[in-house]
Amino acid sequence: MSHKQVFDTLGRAGFVARGVVYLVIGWIALMIALEHRAVEADRTGALELIAGKTMGFAVLWFLVVGFAGMTLWRATLALRPELPGKKGVGSRLASAGKAVLYAVAAYTTARFTVTGHASGSTNQQSTDFTTDLMRHSGGRWLVGAAGLGLVIGGVFMIKRGLERRFAKELRTGSPSGATRRRVLILGTVGNVARGVIAVGAGGFLVDAAIKFDPSKARGVDGTLRALATAPLGTVILIAMAFGLAAFGAYSFCEARWRRL
């Protein structure tokens, strides 16, 4: 197998791993909407749910390998400016940032698989992050800036989904016809759902900074539960559940048809 084939395989394994996690988070969100389950609707909750299923141990190790593969793929994109379409500084910095996020995901998933201990829900992580920052001079402003950054990133994801900018990352002509239309729908719905969650989580961080109250910070799970308390909250949460599942399904499509 050539270096290019190894490189592609690592990237595609990462997209499959991401798809599995988003499908499970979508399922948890749906359970919360319909049954008010207490499982966290985030990566920690997804890992715990997977661990309790038949072949869960094998799936967890696949996720570790997939996230590690995605880390290496993203890091390569950041370090090799000669790759097509990846010469811009902004694109390379984005790849570097994603490499760090996937490295954390690989590490925490591996630790959970080996020890059975999760690193905490995204709600707890957000609260701890906010508390630590606010202990320092200017930390309040940093929390607000982080929240504003999440809001801007979420708006970008929503815009990217609605304008279908993600389609340029798929191989030309693959998929085609009706299949391509379905893939584009999955990508649109999935990106919009992720954007809404990012905007919500960013808004909570900004609120925490304004009120100087770290307990106001929320992660993915807390943001989804907050949506559930809004008017027509159950309907909104069900829609978000399907949106997250759609992004999971779109991740599988990327694993097959994305240009690498």
C-alpha atoms as a PDB file:
ATOM      1  CA  MET A   1       0.000   0.000   0.000  1.00  0.00           C
ATOM      2  CA  SER A   2       1.416   3.393  -1.001  1.00  0.00           C
ATOM      3  CA  HIS A   3       1.798   6.348   1.360  1.00  0.00           C
ATOM      4  CA  LYS A   4      -1.105   8.066  -0.416  1.00  0.00           C
ATOM      5  CA  GLN A   5      -3.360   5.058   0.164  1.00  0.00           C
ATOM      6  CA  VAL A   6      -2.398   4.923   3.837  1.00  0.00           C
ATOM      7  CA  PHE A   7      -3.061   8.659   4.121  1.00  0.00           C
ATOM      8  CA  ASP A   8      -6.496   8.300   2.518  1.00  0.00           C
ATOM      9  CA  THR A   9      -7.419   5.279   4.642  1.00  0.00           C
ATOM     10  CA  LEU A  10      -6.602   7.150   7.859  1.00  0.00           C
ATOM     11  CA  GLY A  11      -8.742  10.101   6.833  1.00  0.00           C
ATOM     12  CA  ARG A  12     -11.687   7.955   5.785  1.00  0.00           C
ATOM     13  CA  ALA A  13     -11.533   5.915   9.010  1.00  0.00           C
ATOM     14  CA  GLY A  14     -11.726   9.196  10.896  1.00  0.00           C
ATOM     15  CA  PHE A  15     -14.878  10.245   9.049  1.00  0.00           C
ATOM     16  CA  VAL A  16     -16.499   6.888   9.859  1.00  0.00           C
ATOM     17  CA  ALA A  17     -15.593   7.280  13.548  1.00  0.00           C
ATOM     18  CA  ARG A  18     -17.056  10.775  13.579  1.00  0.00           C
ATOM     19  CA  GLY A  19     -20.207   9.473  11.932  1.00  0.00           C
ATOM     20  CA  VAL A  20     -20.682   6.766  14.569  1.00  0.00           C
ATOM     21  CA  VAL A  21     -20.392   9.292  17.407  1.00  0.00           C
ATOM     22  CA  TYR A  22     -22.835  11.756  15.836  1.00  0.00           C
ATOM     23  CA  LEU A  23     -25.376   9.031  15.134  1.00  0.00           C
ATOM     24  CA  VAL A  24     -25.243   7.939  18.773  1.00  0.00           C
ATOM     25  CA  ILE A  25     -25.491  11.540  20.045  1.00  0.00           C
ATOM     26  CA  GLY A  26     -28.496  12.045  17.792  1.00  0.00           C
ATOM     27  CA  TRP A  27     -30.077   8.891  19.234  1.00  0.00           C
ATOM     28  CA  ILE A  28     -29.441  10.098  22.799  1.00  0.00           C
ATOM     29  CA  ALA A  29     -30.991  13.480  21.984  1.00  0.00           C
ATOM     30  CA  LEU A  30     -34.059  11.701  20.630  1.00  0.00           C
ATOM     31  CA  MET A  31     -34.304   9.586  23.796  1.00  0.00           C
ATOM     32  CA  ILE A  32     -34.108  12.758  25.899  1.00  0.00           C
ATOM     33  CA  ALA A  33     -36.881  14.351  23.846  1.00  0.00           C
ATOM     34  CA  LEU A  34     -39.192  11.334  24.040  1.00  0.00           C
ATOM     35  CA  GLU A  35     -38.261   9.674  27.316  1.00  0.00           C
ATOM     36  CA  HIS A  36     -36.381  12.360  29.275  1.00  0.00           C
ATOM     37  CA  ARG A  37     -33.360  10.091  29.664  1.00  0.00           C
ATOM     38  CA  ALA A  38     -30.468  11.315  31.833  1.00  0.00           C
ATOM     39  CA  VAL A  39     -27.663  10.149  29.491  1.00  0.00           C
ATOM     40  CA  GLU A  40     -25.484  13.053  28.330  1.00  0.00           C
ATOM     41  CA  ALA A  41     -26.089  13.972  24.689  1.00  0.00           C
ATOM     42  CA  ASP A  42     -22.396  14.474  23.888  1.00  0.00           C
ATOM     43  CA  ARG A  43     -19.312  12.397  23.095  1.00  0.00           C
ATOM     44  CA  THR A  44     -19.018  11.177  26.700  1.00  0.00           C
ATOM     45  CA  GLY A  45     -22.613   9.984  26.702  1.00  0.00           C
ATOM     46  CA  ALA A  46     -22.093   8.346  23.304  1.00  0.00           C
ATOM     47  CA  LEU A  47     -19.047   6.422  24.558  1.00  0.00           C
ATOM     48  CA  GLU A  48     -20.934   5.238  27.651  1.00  0.00           C
ATOM     49  CA  LEU A  49     -23.870   4.073  25.536  1.00  0.00           C
ATOM     50  CA  ILE A  50     -21.594   2.257  23.077  1.00  0.00           C
ATOM     51  CA  ALA A  51     -19.682   0.565  25.913  1.00  0.00           C
ATOM     52  CA  GLY A  52     -22.877  -1.021  27.187  1.00  0.00           C
ATOM     53  CA  LYS A  53     -23.718  -2.698  23.886  1.00  0.00           C
ATOM     54  CA  THR A  54     -22.646  -5.997  22.358  1.00  0.00           C
ATOM     55  CA  MET A  55     -19.293  -5.547  20.603  1.00  0.00           C
ATOM     56  CA  GLY A  56     -19.063  -2.148  22.273  1.00  0.00           C
ATOM     57  CA  PHE A  57     -15.429  -2.713  23.259  1.00  0.00           C
ATOM     58  CA  ALA A  58     -14.476  -3.372  19.626  1.00  0.00           C
ATOM     59  CA  VAL A  59     -16.395  -0.294  18.451  1.00  0.00           C
ATOM     60  CA  LEU A  60     -14.636   1.870  21.039  1.00  0.00           C
ATOM     61  CA  TRP A  61     -11.216   0.728  19.812  1.00  0.00           C
ATOM     62  CA  PHE A  62     -12.296   1.426  16.240  1.00  0.00           C
ATOM     63  CA  LEU A  63     -13.193   4.965  17.331  1.00  0.00           C
ATOM     64  CA  VAL A  64      -9.731   5.344  18.889  1.00  0.00           C
ATOM     65  CA  VAL A  65      -8.087   4.260  15.635  1.00  0.00           C
ATOM     66  CA  GLY A  66     -10.428   6.449  13.587  1.00  0.00           C
ATOM     67  CA  PHE A  67      -9.836   9.564  15.679  1.00  0.00           C
ATOM     68  CA  ALA A  68      -6.085   8.941  15.645  1.00  0.00           C
ATOM     69  CA  GLY A  69      -6.226   8.538  11.874  1.00  0.00           C
ATOM     70  CA  MET A  70      -8.154  11.785  11.525  1.00  0.00           C
ATOM     71  CA  THR A  71      -5.550  13.488  13.736  1.00  0.00           C
ATOM     72  CA  LEU A  72      -2.718  12.387  11.464  1.00  0.00           C
ATOM     73  CA  TRP A  73      -4.654  13.311   8.323  1.00  0.00           C
ATOM     74  CA  ARG A  74      -5.494  16.797   9.605  1.00  0.00           C
ATOM     75  CA  ALA A  75      -1.935  17.322  10.838  1.00  0.00           C
ATOM     76  CA  THR A  76      -0.601  16.375   7.410  1.00  0.00           C
ATOM     77  CA  LEU A  77      -2.922  18.904   5.770  1.00  0.00           C
ATOM     78  CA  ALA A  78      -1.592  21.557   8.140  1.00  0.00           C
ATOM     79  CA  LEU A  79       2.081  20.723   7.543  1.00  0.00           C
ATOM     80  CA  ARG A  80       2.097  20.127   3.777  1.00  0.00           C
ATOM     81  CA  PRO A  81       1.313  23.350   1.882  1.00  0.00           C
ATOM     82  CA  GLU A  82       1.820  21.617  -1.460  1.00  0.00           C
ATOM     83  CA  LEU A  83      -1.429  19.657  -1.086  1.00  0.00           C
ATOM     84  CA  PRO A  84      -4.144  20.807  -3.548  1.00  0.00           C
ATOM     85  CA  GLY A  85      -6.493  23.396  -2.116  1.00  0.00           C
ATOM     86  CA  LYS A  86      -4.659  23.547   1.210  1.00  0.00           C
ATOM     87  CA  LYS A  87      -2.100  26.266   0.583  1.00  0.00           C
ATOM     88  CA  GLY A  88      -3.902  29.067   2.399  1.00  0.00           C
ATOM     89  CA  VAL A  89      -2.750  29.947   5.903  1.00  0.00           C
ATOM     90  CA  GLY A  90      -6.328  29.987   7.185  1.00  0.00           C
ATOM     91  CA  SER A  91      -7.024  26.511   5.811  1.00  0.00           C
ATOM     92  CA  ARG A  92      -3.834  25.124   7.308  1.00  0.00           C
ATOM     93  CA  LEU A  93      -4.538  26.698  10.712  1.00  0.00           C
ATOM     94  CA  ALA A  94      -8.042  25.237  10.664  1.00  0.00           C
ATOM     95  CA  SER A  95      -6.591  21.796   9.917  1.00  0.00           C
ATOM     96  CA  ALA A  96      -4.104  22.202  12.769  1.00  0.00           C
ATOM     97  CA  GLY A  97      -6.883  23.127  15.171  1.00  0.00           C
ATOM     98  CA  LYS A  98      -8.958  20.134  14.114  1.00  0.00           C
ATOM     99  CA  ALA A  99      -5.914  17.887  14.494  1.00  0.00           C
ATOM    100  CA  VAL A 100      -5.647  18.985  18.132  1.00  0.00           C
ATOM    101  CA  LEU A 101      -9.366  18.368  18.739  1.00  0.00           C
ATOM    102  CA  TYR A 102      -9.210  14.891  17.232  1.00  0.00           C
ATOM    103  CA  ALA A 103      -6.046  14.097  19.184  1.00  0.00           C
ATOM    104  CA  VAL A 104      -7.959  14.933  22.378  1.00  0.00           C
ATOM    105  CA  ALA A 105     -10.869  12.788  21.181  1.00  0.00           C
ATOM    106  CA  ALA A 106      -8.515   9.856  20.476  1.00  0.00           C
ATOM    107  CA  TYR A 107      -6.838  10.182  23.873  1.00  0.00           C
ATOM    108  CA  THR A 108     -10.044  10.508  25.915  1.00  0.00           C
ATOM    109  CA  THR A 109     -11.695   7.645  24.010  1.00  0.00           C
ATOM    110  CA  ALA A 110      -8.653   5.408  24.556  1.00  0.00           C
ATOM    111  CA  ARG A 111      -8.558   6.289  28.257  1.00  0.00           C
ATOM    112  CA  PHE A 112     -12.275   5.543  28.596  1.00  0.00           C
ATOM    113  CA  THR A 113     -11.850   2.227  26.768  1.00  0.00           C
ATOM    114  CA  VAL A 114      -8.962   1.132  28.996  1.00  0.00           C
ATOM    115  CA  THR A 115     -10.098   2.485  32.378  1.00  0.00           C
ATOM    116  CA  GLY A 116     -13.863   2.825  31.989  1.00  0.00           C
ATOM    117  CA  HIS A 117     -13.644   6.376  33.352  1.00  0.00           C
ATOM    118  CA  ALA A 118     -14.948   9.235  31.215  1.00  0.00           C
ATOM    119  CA  SER A 119     -13.355  12.680  31.212  1.00  0.00           C
ATOM    120  CA  GLY A 120     -16.649  14.312  32.188  1.00  0.00           C
ATOM    121  CA  SER A 121     -19.551  15.676  30.199  1.00  0.00           C
ATOM    122  CA  THR A 122     -19.166  18.695  27.956  1.00  0.00           C
ATOM    123  CA  ASN A 123     -21.259  20.620  30.487  1.00  0.00           C
ATOM    124  CA  GLN A 124     -18.746  19.939  33.249  1.00  0.00           C
ATOM    125  CA  GLN A 125     -15.831  20.649  30.937  1.00  0.00           C
ATOM    126  CA  SER A 126     -17.370  23.990  29.896  1.00  0.00           C
ATOM    127  CA  THR A 127     -17.991  24.968  33.523  1.00  0.00           C
ATOM    128  CA  ASP A 128     -14.456  23.951  34.557  1.00  0.00           C
ATOM    129  CA  PHE A 129     -12.958  25.823  31.596  1.00  0.00           C
ATOM    130  CA  THR A 130     -14.922  28.957  32.447  1.00  0.00           C
ATOM    131  CA  THR A 131     -14.099  28.730  36.157  1.00  0.00           C
ATOM    132  CA  ASP A 132     -10.368  28.336  35.493  1.00  0.00           C
ATOM    133  CA  LEU A 133     -10.279  31.287  33.106  1.00  0.00           C
ATOM    134  CA  MET A 134     -12.236  33.561  35.412  1.00  0.00           C
ATOM    135  CA  ARG A 135      -9.695  33.051  38.179  1.00  0.00           C
ATOM    136  CA  HIS A 136      -7.203  35.065  36.159  1.00  0.00           C
ATOM    137  CA  SER A 137      -7.064  38.753  35.336  1.00  0.00           C
ATOM    138  CA  GLY A 138      -8.902  39.350  32.096  1.00  0.00           C
ATOM    139  CA  GLY A 139     -10.325  35.829  32.160  1.00  0.00           C
ATOM    140  CA  ARG A 140     -13.851  37.142  31.946  1.00  0.00           C
ATOM    141  CA  TRP A 141     -13.026  38.799  28.639  1.00  0.00           C
ATOM    142  CA  LEU A 142     -11.386  35.621  27.354  1.00  0.00           C
ATOM    143  CA  VAL A 143     -14.525  33.618  28.194  1.00  0.00           C
ATOM    144  CA  GLY A 144     -16.624  36.183  26.360  1.00  0.00           C
ATOM    145  CA  ALA A 145     -14.270  36.082  23.388  1.00  0.00           C
ATOM    146  CA  ALA A 146     -14.421  32.266  23.318  1.00  0.00           C
ATOM    147  CA  GLY A 147     -18.208  32.422  23.398  1.00  0.00           C
ATOM    148  CA  LEU A 148     -18.298  34.994  20.623  1.00  0.00           C
ATOM    149  CA  GLY A 149     -15.930  32.815  18.602  1.00  0.00           C
ATOM    150  CA  LEU A 150     -18.295  29.848  18.998  1.00  0.00           C
ATOM    151  CA  VAL A 151     -21.249  31.975  17.900  1.00  0.00           C
ATOM    152  CA  ILE A 152     -19.376  33.178  14.809  1.00  0.00           C
ATOM    153  CA  GLY A 153     -18.244  29.630  14.044  1.00  0.00           C
ATOM    154  CA  GLY A 154     -21.812  28.390  14.433  1.00  0.00           C
ATOM    155  CA  VAL A 155     -23.148  31.039  12.064  1.00  0.00           C
ATOM    156  CA  PHE A 156     -20.451  30.040   9.577  1.00  0.00           C
ATOM    157  CA  MET A 157     -21.520  26.372   9.860  1.00  0.00           C
ATOM    158  CA  ILE A 158     -25.156  27.296   9.280  1.00  0.00           C
ATOM    159  CA  LYS A 159     -24.200  29.435   6.272  1.00  0.00           C
ATOM    160  CA  ARG A 160     -21.931  26.661   4.978  1.00  0.00           C
ATOM    161  CA  GLY A 161     -24.778  24.197   5.237  1.00  0.00           C
ATOM    162  CA  LEU A 162     -27.448  26.371   3.647  1.00  0.00           C
ATOM    163  CA  GLU A 163     -25.163  27.400   0.790  1.00  0.00           C
ATOM    164  CA  ARG A 164     -23.882  23.814   0.466  1.00  0.00           C
ATOM    165  CA  ARG A 165     -20.264  24.925   0.409  1.00  0.00           C
ATOM    166  CA  PHE A 166     -19.310  21.495   1.743  1.00  0.00           C
ATOM    167  CA  ALA A 167     -20.219  19.999  -1.641  1.00  0.00           C
ATOM    168  CA  LYS A 168     -16.945  21.245  -3.148  1.00  0.00           C
ATOM    169  CA  GLU A 169     -15.117  18.769  -0.906  1.00  0.00           C
ATOM    170  CA  LEU A 170     -16.808  15.806  -2.592  1.00  0.00           C
ATOM    171  CA  ARG A 171     -15.247  14.144  -5.621  1.00  0.00           C
ATOM    172  CA  THR A 172     -16.628  15.607  -8.840  1.00  0.00           C
ATOM    173  CA  GLY A 173     -19.416  13.415 -10.199  1.00  0.00           C
ATOM    174  CA  SER A 174     -19.401  11.106  -7.165  1.00  0.00           C
ATOM    175  CA  PRO A 175     -22.009  10.493  -5.996  1.00  0.00           C
ATOM    176  CA  SER A 176     -24.299  11.339  -8.889  1.00  0.00           C
ATOM    177  CA  GLY A 177     -27.992  11.790  -9.546  1.00  0.00           C
ATOM    178  CA  ALA A 178     -30.478  11.007  -6.777  1.00  0.00           C
ATOM    179  CA  THR A 179     -27.738   9.782  -4.440  1.00  0.00           C
ATOM    180  CA  ARG A 180     -25.934  13.122  -4.647  1.00  0.00           C
ATOM    181  CA  ARG A 181     -29.155  14.971  -3.846  1.00  0.00           C
ATOM    182  CA  ARG A 182     -29.635  12.854  -0.727  1.00  0.00           C
ATOM    183  CA  VAL A 183     -26.028  13.415   0.325  1.00  0.00           C
ATOM    184  CA  LEU A 184     -26.444  17.182  -0.080  1.00  0.00           C
ATOM    185  CA  ILE A 185     -29.604  17.131   2.037  1.00  0.00           C
ATOM    186  CA  LEU A 186     -27.779  15.227   4.794  1.00  0.00           C
ATOM    187  CA  GLY A 187     -24.892  17.686   4.659  1.00  0.00           C
ATOM    188  CA  THR A 188     -27.193  20.704   4.749  1.00  0.00           C
ATOM    189  CA  VAL A 189     -29.314  19.483   7.658  1.00  0.00           C
ATOM    190  CA  GLY A 190     -26.297  18.195   9.575  1.00  0.00           C
ATOM    191  CA  ASN A 191     -24.222  21.357   9.255  1.00  0.00           C
ATOM    192  CA  VAL A 192     -27.157  23.571  10.230  1.00  0.00           C
ATOM    193  CA  ALA A 193     -27.818  21.443  13.332  1.00  0.00           C
ATOM    194  CA  ARG A 194     -24.168  21.636  14.402  1.00  0.00           C
ATOM    195  CA  GLY A 195     -24.199  25.379  13.792  1.00  0.00           C
ATOM    196  CA  VAL A 196     -27.284  25.892  15.959  1.00  0.00           C
ATOM    197  CA  ILE A 197     -25.638  23.988  18.826  1.00  0.00           C
ATOM    198  CA  ALA A 198     -22.411  25.994  18.467  1.00  0.00           C
ATOM    199  CA  VAL A 199     -24.362  29.281  18.513  1.00  0.00           C
ATOM    200  CA  GLY A 200     -26.245  28.123  21.618  1.00  0.00           C
ATOM    201  CA  ALA A 201     -23.108  26.983  23.464  1.00  0.00           C
ATOM    202  CA  GLY A 202     -21.344  30.223  22.526  1.00  0.00           C
ATOM    203  CA  GLY A 203     -24.294  32.232  23.787  1.00  0.00           C
ATOM    204  CA  PHE A 204     -24.088  30.466  27.155  1.00  0.00           C
ATOM    205  CA  LEU A 205     -20.388  31.323  27.412  1.00  0.00           C
ATOM    206  CA  VAL A 206     -21.081  34.971  26.636  1.00  0.00           C
ATOM    207  CA  ASP A 207     -23.844  34.938  29.271  1.00  0.00           C
ATOM    208  CA  ALA A 208     -21.422  33.409  31.792  1.00  0.00           C
ATOM    209  CA  ALA A 209     -18.909  36.165  31.069  1.00  0.00           C
ATOM    210  CA  ILE A 210     -21.469  38.960  31.357  1.00  0.00           C
ATOM    211  CA  LYS A 211     -22.889  37.627  34.642  1.00  0.00           C
ATOM    212  CA  PHE A 212     -19.476  36.494  35.921  1.00  0.00           C
ATOM    213  CA  ASP A 213     -21.034  33.108  36.657  1.00  0.00           C
ATOM    214  CA  PRO A 214     -19.223  29.976  35.374  1.00  0.00           C
ATOM    215  CA  SER A 215     -22.281  27.829  36.098  1.00  0.00           C
ATOM    216  CA  LYS A 216     -24.027  29.502  33.149  1.00  0.00           C
ATOM    217  CA  ALA A 217     -21.654  27.756  30.708  1.00  0.00           C
ATOM    218  CA  ARG A 218     -23.076  24.800  28.802  1.00  0.00           C
ATOM    219  CA  GLY A 219     -21.714  22.085  26.543  1.00  0.00           C
ATOM    220  CA  VAL A 220     -23.495  20.162  23.801  1.00  0.00           C
ATOM    221  CA  ASP A 221     -25.736  18.299  26.250  1.00  0.00           C
ATOM    222  CA  GLY A 222     -26.685  21.423  28.197  1.00  0.00           C
ATOM    223  CA  THR A 223     -27.404  23.354  25.013  1.00  0.00           C
ATOM    224  CA  LEU A 224     -29.708  20.615  23.744  1.00  0.00           C
ATOM    225  CA  ARG A 225     -31.515  20.411  27.087  1.00  0.00           C
ATOM    226  CA  ALA A 226     -31.926  24.199  27.087  1.00  0.00           C
ATOM    227  CA  LEU A 227     -33.543  23.974  23.650  1.00  0.00           C
ATOM    228  CA  ALA A 228     -35.904  21.364  25.089  1.00  0.00           C
ATOM    229  CA  THR A 229     -37.202  23.892  27.651  1.00  0.00           C
ATOM    230  CA  ALA A 230     -38.115  26.438  24.977  1.00  0.00           C
ATOM    231  CA  PRO A 231     -41.657  26.694  23.553  1.00  0.00           C
ATOM    232  CA  LEU A 232     -42.191  23.606  21.370  1.00  0.00           C
ATOM    233  CA  GLY A 233     -38.982  22.328  22.974  1.00  0.00           C
ATOM    234  CA  THR A 234     -39.733  18.658  22.350  1.00  0.00           C
ATOM    235  CA  VAL A 235     -40.277  19.320  18.651  1.00  0.00           C
ATOM    236  CA  ILE A 236     -37.077  21.385  18.484  1.00  0.00           C
ATOM    237  CA  LEU A 237     -35.051  18.695  20.263  1.00  0.00           C
ATOM    238  CA  ILE A 238     -36.400  15.979  17.968  1.00  0.00           C
ATOM    239  CA  ALA A 239     -35.419  18.128  14.975  1.00  0.00           C
ATOM    240  CA  MET A 240     -31.927  18.590  16.449  1.00  0.00           C
ATOM    241  CA  ALA A 241     -31.661  14.841  17.065  1.00  0.00           C
ATOM    242  CA  PHE A 242     -32.385  14.133  13.415  1.00  0.00           C
ATOM    243  CA  GLY A 243     -30.000  16.918  12.404  1.00  0.00           C
ATOM    244  CA  LEU A 244     -27.140  15.401  14.412  1.00  0.00           C
ATOM    245  CA  ALA A 245     -27.936  11.955  13.025  1.00  0.00           C
ATOM    246  CA  ALA A 246     -27.965  13.472   9.532  1.00  0.00           C
ATOM    247  CA  PHE A 247     -24.452  14.813  10.108  1.00  0.00           C
ATOM    248  CA  GLY A 248     -23.404  11.351  11.240  1.00  0.00           C
ATOM    249  CA  ALA A 249     -24.788   9.864   8.042  1.00  0.00           C
ATOM    250  CA  TYR A 250     -23.115  12.612   6.010  1.00  0.00           C
ATOM    251  CA  SER A 251     -19.809  11.727   7.677  1.00  0.00           C
ATOM    252  CA  PHE A 252     -20.152   8.217   6.238  1.00  0.00           C
ATOM    253  CA  CYS A 253     -20.745   9.795   2.829  1.00  0.00           C
ATOM    254  CA  GLU A 254     -17.565  11.839   3.275  1.00  0.00           C
ATOM    255  CA  ALA A 255     -15.697   8.664   4.137  1.00  0.00           C
ATOM    256  CA  ARG A 256     -16.676   7.292   0.751  1.00  0.00           C
ATOM    257  CA  TRP A 257     -16.758  10.295  -1.560  1.00  0.00           C
ATOM    258  CA  ARG A 258     -14.655  13.097  -0.072  1.00  0.00           C
ATOM    259  CA  ARG A 259     -11.588  14.264  -1.994  1.00  0.00           C
ATOM    260  CA  LEU A 260      -8.522  13.483   0.104  1.00  0.00           C
END
